[in-house]
Protein backbone atom coordinates (compact mmCIF):
# COMPACT_ATOMS: atom_id res chain seq x y z
CA MET A 1 97.24 88.04 117.07
CA ASN A 2 95.45 86.43 114.08
CA ARG A 3 96.29 87.03 110.42
CA THR A 4 93.54 89.59 109.90
CA SER A 5 94.75 91.65 112.86
CA LEU A 6 98.30 91.45 111.53
CA ALA A 7 97.04 92.55 108.11
CA TYR A 8 95.36 95.62 109.61
CA PHE A 9 98.56 96.39 111.52
CA ALA A 10 100.53 96.05 108.26
CA ILE A 11 98.28 98.42 106.31
CA THR A 12 98.37 100.93 109.17
CA VAL A 13 102.18 100.88 109.11
CA THR A 14 101.99 101.32 105.33
CA THR A 15 99.89 104.48 105.70
CA VAL A 16 102.41 105.90 108.18
CA LEU A 17 105.32 105.17 105.83
CA TRP A 18 103.59 106.59 102.75
CA SER A 19 102.50 109.73 104.60
CA SER A 20 106.08 110.38 105.72
CA SER A 21 107.40 110.38 102.12
CA LEU A 22 106.36 113.97 101.45
CA ILE A 23 107.57 115.09 104.87
CA PHE A 24 111.06 113.65 104.34
CA ALA A 25 111.21 115.04 100.79
CA LYS A 26 110.30 118.52 102.03
CA LEU A 27 113.22 118.38 104.47
CA ILE A 28 115.83 118.12 101.70
CA PHE A 29 114.25 120.04 98.81
CA ALA A 30 116.59 122.97 99.44
CA GLU A 31 119.42 120.59 98.54
CA VAL A 32 117.93 118.05 96.10
CA GLY A 33 115.52 118.90 93.28
CA PRO A 34 112.17 117.08 93.07
CA ILE A 35 112.90 115.14 89.86
CA VAL A 36 116.33 114.01 91.06
CA PHE A 37 114.70 112.92 94.31
CA VAL A 38 112.15 110.78 92.43
CA ALA A 39 114.87 109.34 90.18
CA LEU A 40 117.03 108.34 93.15
CA ARG A 41 114.07 106.93 95.06
CA TYR A 42 112.98 104.50 92.37
CA THR A 43 116.48 103.68 91.11
CA LEU A 44 117.53 102.57 94.59
CA ALA A 45 114.26 100.69 95.06
CA CYS A 46 114.53 98.71 91.79
CA PRO A 47 117.09 96.07 92.90
CA PHE A 48 115.04 95.30 96.00
CA LEU A 49 111.79 95.21 94.02
CA LEU A 50 113.51 92.78 91.63
CA ALA A 51 114.49 90.52 94.53
CA VAL A 52 110.93 90.52 95.86
CA THR A 53 109.54 89.91 92.36
CA LEU A 54 111.80 86.89 91.82
CA GLN A 55 110.91 85.51 95.24
CA HIS A 56 107.14 85.88 94.82
CA ARG A 57 106.93 85.23 91.11
CA LYS A 58 104.38 82.61 90.20
CA LYS A 59 104.22 81.09 86.74
CA GLN A 60 105.16 84.27 84.96
CA THR A 61 106.76 83.82 81.56
CA PHE A 62 108.55 86.11 79.16
CA ASP A 63 105.51 85.93 76.91
CA ASP A 64 103.37 87.35 79.75
CA MET A 65 105.60 90.41 79.93
CA LYS A 66 105.84 90.68 76.12
CA ASN A 67 102.07 90.52 75.69
CA ASN A 68 101.43 93.12 78.39
CA TRP A 69 104.30 95.56 77.86
CA LYS A 70 101.98 98.34 76.67
CA ILE A 71 99.84 98.37 79.81
CA LEU A 72 102.97 98.08 81.97
CA LEU A 73 104.44 101.06 80.11
CA ILE A 74 101.27 103.07 80.74
CA ALA A 75 101.41 102.12 84.42
CA GLY A 76 105.05 103.21 84.60
CA LEU A 77 104.51 106.48 82.73
CA SER A 78 101.44 107.49 84.72
CA GLY A 79 102.62 106.36 88.17
CA PRO A 80 106.31 106.43 89.08
CA PHE A 81 107.07 108.90 86.28
CA ILE A 82 104.43 111.60 85.67
CA SER A 83 102.46 111.31 88.91
CA GLN A 84 105.47 111.21 91.21
CA VAL A 85 107.38 113.96 89.40
CA LEU A 86 104.35 116.27 89.44
CA GLN A 87 103.66 115.39 93.07
CA TYR A 88 107.10 116.48 94.23
CA ILE A 89 107.16 119.54 91.96
CA GLY A 90 103.86 120.59 93.50
CA LEU A 91 105.26 119.92 96.95
CA GLU A 92 108.00 122.48 96.30
CA LEU A 93 105.36 125.14 95.73
CA THR A 94 102.79 124.26 98.38
CA THR A 95 102.76 122.91 101.94
CA ALA A 96 103.09 119.24 102.83
CA SER A 97 99.75 119.36 104.64
CA ASP A 98 97.95 120.65 101.52
CA ALA A 99 99.62 118.00 99.36
CA LEU A 100 98.72 115.16 101.72
CA LEU A 101 95.08 116.23 101.97
CA LEU A 102 94.76 116.59 98.18
CA LEU A 103 96.16 113.09 97.57
CA ASN A 104 92.78 111.80 98.77
CA LEU A 105 91.41 112.84 95.37
CA THR A 106 93.03 109.79 93.73
CA PRO A 107 90.06 107.46 94.47
CA THR A 108 87.73 110.15 93.13
CA PHE A 109 89.48 110.23 89.75
CA ALA A 110 89.67 106.42 89.84
CA VAL A 111 85.87 106.20 90.14
CA ILE A 112 85.43 108.51 87.12
CA LEU A 113 87.96 106.63 84.97
CA ALA A 114 86.78 103.15 86.00
CA ALA A 115 83.29 103.78 84.58
CA PRO A 116 84.22 103.92 80.86
CA ILE A 117 87.40 101.83 81.01
CA LEU A 118 86.46 99.02 83.41
CA ASN A 119 82.68 99.27 82.97
CA GLU A 120 82.18 99.96 86.67
CA LYS A 121 78.86 101.61 87.53
CA ILE A 122 78.71 105.13 88.98
CA THR A 123 76.15 104.88 91.79
CA SER A 124 74.42 107.65 93.74
CA GLU A 125 76.85 107.07 96.61
CA LYS A 126 79.80 107.54 94.26
CA VAL A 127 78.30 110.75 92.86
CA LEU A 128 77.77 112.14 96.37
CA GLY A 129 81.31 111.12 97.29
CA LEU A 130 82.71 112.81 94.18
CA ILE A 131 80.85 116.05 94.94
CA LEU A 132 82.05 116.14 98.55
CA ALA A 133 85.64 115.31 97.56
CA THR A 134 85.61 118.11 94.98
CA ILE A 135 84.26 120.63 97.50
CA GLY A 136 86.90 119.57 100.02
CA ALA A 137 89.70 119.90 97.46
CA THR A 138 88.49 123.37 96.50
CA LEU A 139 88.61 124.51 100.13
CA ILE A 140 92.17 123.19 100.48
CA VAL A 141 93.34 124.94 97.28
CA LEU A 142 91.88 128.25 98.46
CA SER A 143 93.20 127.96 102.01
CA SER A 144 95.83 130.34 103.41
CA THR A 145 97.83 130.57 106.60
CA PRO A 146 97.12 133.25 109.21
CA GLU A 147 100.48 134.87 108.38
CA HIS A 148 99.54 135.13 104.69
CA THR A 149 95.88 136.04 104.52
CA THR A 150 96.16 137.22 100.91
CA PHE A 151 95.81 134.80 98.02
CA ASP A 152 99.04 132.84 97.51
CA ILE A 153 99.33 132.19 93.77
CA TRP A 154 102.33 129.85 94.07
CA ARG A 155 100.75 127.75 96.78
CA SER A 156 97.54 127.48 94.76
CA LEU A 157 99.56 126.56 91.66
CA GLY A 158 101.34 123.87 93.67
CA ASN A 159 97.98 122.54 94.85
CA LEU A 160 96.71 122.35 91.26
CA VAL A 161 99.86 120.44 90.23
CA ILE A 162 99.21 118.00 93.11
CA ILE A 163 95.63 117.51 91.87
CA ILE A 164 96.89 116.74 88.36
CA SER A 165 99.35 114.24 89.88
CA THR A 166 96.44 112.44 91.58
CA LEU A 167 94.72 112.12 88.21
CA PHE A 168 97.76 110.37 86.75
CA PHE A 169 98.07 108.19 89.85
CA ALA A 170 94.45 107.14 89.30
CA ILE A 171 95.36 106.26 85.71
CA ASN A 172 98.22 104.20 87.14
CA GLY A 173 95.73 102.37 89.36
CA ILE A 174 93.43 101.59 86.42
CA ALA A 175 96.36 100.37 84.31
CA GLY A 176 97.62 98.29 87.23
CA LYS A 177 94.19 96.71 87.70
CA ILE A 178 94.18 95.67 84.04
CA ALA A 179 97.76 94.36 84.26
CA ILE A 180 97.21 92.18 87.36
CA LYS A 181 94.62 90.15 85.50
CA THR A 182 97.54 88.30 83.90
CA ILE A 183 100.59 89.46 85.93
CA ASP A 184 100.90 89.33 89.72
CA ALA A 185 100.81 92.64 91.58
CA ILE A 186 104.44 92.70 92.73
CA SER A 187 105.74 91.98 89.22
CA THR A 188 103.49 94.74 87.89
CA THR A 189 105.02 97.17 90.39
CA PHE A 190 108.57 96.19 89.47
CA TYR A 191 108.19 96.23 85.67
CA SER A 192 106.21 99.48 85.58
CA THR A 193 108.88 101.08 87.77
CA LEU A 194 111.62 99.70 85.52
CA PHE A 195 109.97 101.36 82.51
CA ALA A 196 109.75 104.67 84.37
CA VAL A 197 113.27 105.00 85.80
CA PRO A 198 115.11 105.87 82.52
CA LEU A 199 112.47 108.48 81.67
CA ILE A 200 112.75 110.05 85.12
CA TRP A 201 116.53 110.37 84.74
CA VAL A 202 116.15 111.96 81.29
CA SER A 203 113.69 114.46 82.78
CA ALA A 204 116.05 115.12 85.68
CA ALA A 205 118.93 115.82 83.27
CA LEU A 206 116.81 118.23 81.23
CA LEU A 207 114.83 120.00 83.96
CA ASP A 208 116.73 119.57 87.20
CA ASP A 209 120.29 119.87 88.51
CA VAL A 210 121.82 116.37 88.51
CA THR A 211 125.20 117.73 89.65
CA VAL A 212 123.80 117.74 93.21
CA LEU A 213 124.62 114.03 93.22
CA LEU A 214 128.25 115.06 93.74
CA THR A 215 127.54 117.37 96.67
CA MET A 216 124.65 115.75 98.52
CA SER A 217 125.02 115.68 102.30
CA MET A 218 124.82 112.55 104.41
CA GLN A 219 121.40 113.66 105.64
CA ALA A 220 120.09 113.92 102.07
CA TRP A 221 121.44 110.47 101.16
CA PHE A 222 119.94 108.99 104.33
CA VAL A 223 116.52 110.47 103.49
CA VAL A 224 116.62 109.22 99.88
CA ILE A 225 117.72 105.71 100.90
CA TRP A 226 115.11 105.57 103.67
CA VAL A 227 112.31 106.63 101.32
CA ALA A 228 113.50 104.12 98.69
CA LEU A 229 113.66 101.17 101.06
CA ALA A 230 111.08 101.83 103.78
CA ASN A 231 108.52 103.99 101.97
CA THR A 232 108.73 102.18 98.63
CA VAL A 233 109.91 98.56 98.97
CA ILE A 234 108.80 97.68 102.52
CA ALA A 235 105.56 99.66 102.28
CA PHE A 236 104.57 97.97 99.02
CA ILE A 237 105.33 94.52 100.45
CA LEU A 238 103.16 95.25 103.51
CA TYR A 239 100.48 96.68 101.21
CA TYR A 240 100.26 93.57 99.05
CA GLU A 241 100.51 91.19 102.01
CA SER A 242 97.63 92.96 103.77
CA MET A 243 95.49 92.61 100.62
CA LYS A 244 95.58 88.83 101.08
CA HIS A 245 93.45 89.11 104.24
CA ILE A 246 91.52 92.40 103.84
CA GLU A 247 89.07 93.33 101.08
CA ALA A 248 90.51 95.72 98.51
CA SER A 249 87.74 98.26 99.11
CA LEU A 250 88.47 98.29 102.84
CA ILE A 251 92.16 98.73 102.05
CA GLN A 252 91.34 101.86 100.04
CA ILE A 253 89.36 103.26 102.95
CA MET A 254 92.29 102.57 105.30
CA LEU A 255 94.55 104.53 102.95
CA ASN A 256 92.66 107.69 103.96
CA LEU A 257 94.77 107.57 107.12
CA ILE A 258 97.71 108.79 105.02
CA ALA A 259 96.35 112.34 105.16
CA VAL A 260 95.80 112.14 108.91
CA TRP A 261 99.33 110.96 109.75
CA GLY A 262 100.83 113.34 107.19
CA VAL A 263 99.16 116.46 108.53
CA VAL A 264 100.20 115.56 112.09
CA MET A 265 103.82 115.06 110.90
CA SER A 266 103.77 118.34 108.96
CA ILE A 267 102.85 120.16 112.18
CA PHE A 268 105.45 118.55 114.43
CA VAL A 269 108.30 117.94 111.93
CA LEU A 270 107.97 120.85 109.48
CA HIS A 271 106.25 123.22 111.94
CA GLU A 272 103.58 124.04 109.37
CA VAL A 273 100.47 125.93 110.43
CA VAL A 274 97.29 124.06 109.53
CA THR A 275 94.24 126.29 109.11
CA TYR A 276 90.63 125.51 109.93
CA LEU A 277 89.83 125.73 106.22
CA GLN A 278 92.42 123.03 105.48
CA VAL A 279 91.03 120.78 108.20
CA LEU A 280 87.47 121.32 106.96
CA GLY A 281 88.46 120.69 103.35
CA GLY A 282 90.46 117.59 104.26
CA THR A 283 87.63 116.22 106.40
CA ILE A 284 85.04 116.75 103.64
CA THR A 285 87.36 115.10 101.09
CA VAL A 286 87.93 112.05 103.29
CA ILE A 287 84.19 111.72 104.03
CA GLY A 288 83.44 111.92 100.31
CA VAL A 289 85.97 109.21 99.48
CA ILE A 290 84.66 106.94 102.26
CA ILE A 291 81.04 107.35 101.10
CA ALA A 292 82.03 106.43 97.54
CA GLN A 293 83.91 103.35 98.72
CA MET A 294 81.43 102.13 101.35
CA ALA A 295 78.93 101.45 98.57
CA GLN A 296 81.36 98.91 97.15
CA VAL A 297 81.84 97.34 100.57
CA ARG A 298 78.07 96.90 101.03
CA ARG A 299 77.67 95.34 97.58
CA ARG A 300 80.39 92.81 98.30
CA GLN A 301 78.85 91.97 101.67
CA ASN A 302 75.44 91.44 100.03
CA LYS A 303 77.00 89.12 97.44
CA ASP A 304 78.67 87.11 100.21
CA HIS A 305 75.28 86.57 101.90
CA LEU A 306 73.59 85.35 98.72
């Protein structure tokens, strides 16, 4: 198996791990609040991210971190802090399948934000992709299970919170793209996470029940540790390693598999009922994201042939 094949295998494993995060979290939400869950996840991941950062660090200096602390702070606030907290709060209110399908909106918001901030052009393909992704998201938000054919206000509210979380995750991606111009990607992940962890714990103390730390079951601790190590540290390592051999735009398209694996897991693990409207909305969203990203792939291929 050549390096490219291994890279595709690595990114596929990454999508499986990332899709399982929401499934595992849903299993223990009756015991552990969403903000405490996020705080534990990233706190436990930090020492391992530090080890990886020190091992892969290039010629990073203290001045590099000092000169870029603002963008790293923005990355930490928007990603591990606001986006993740909102994501898991929304998950408490809605279904895991809805949440996983709506996470595909992140590239859509990224396209919108990249235009004014990074001076990236919005092409006709991107516009079409944005329209389709929006239609798909709307169908998911308005979906209902056969057992609850009436409008579910809490589920819809949870879906809207998930959508807002994808906006902040897109902001995290833009900030990260700016940061990696001078700081390597793994260091950016570690330092932005380090900025976020204290803020997550403050939020947990104010808005959640931190006393559950004293009564958590072995199952809950196993889930938190697994998500911290496998879904955060290992997944990010595989993600960045795969980027060495696969174009970034193709990586983003591969990440659409997260919704596919996640919905399958939600059916078999959580026994959720997935409606035709959800499937239709998710399919339209994924198609929209792929159309928006394929334009970038074609442009890069044309440049390579020049």
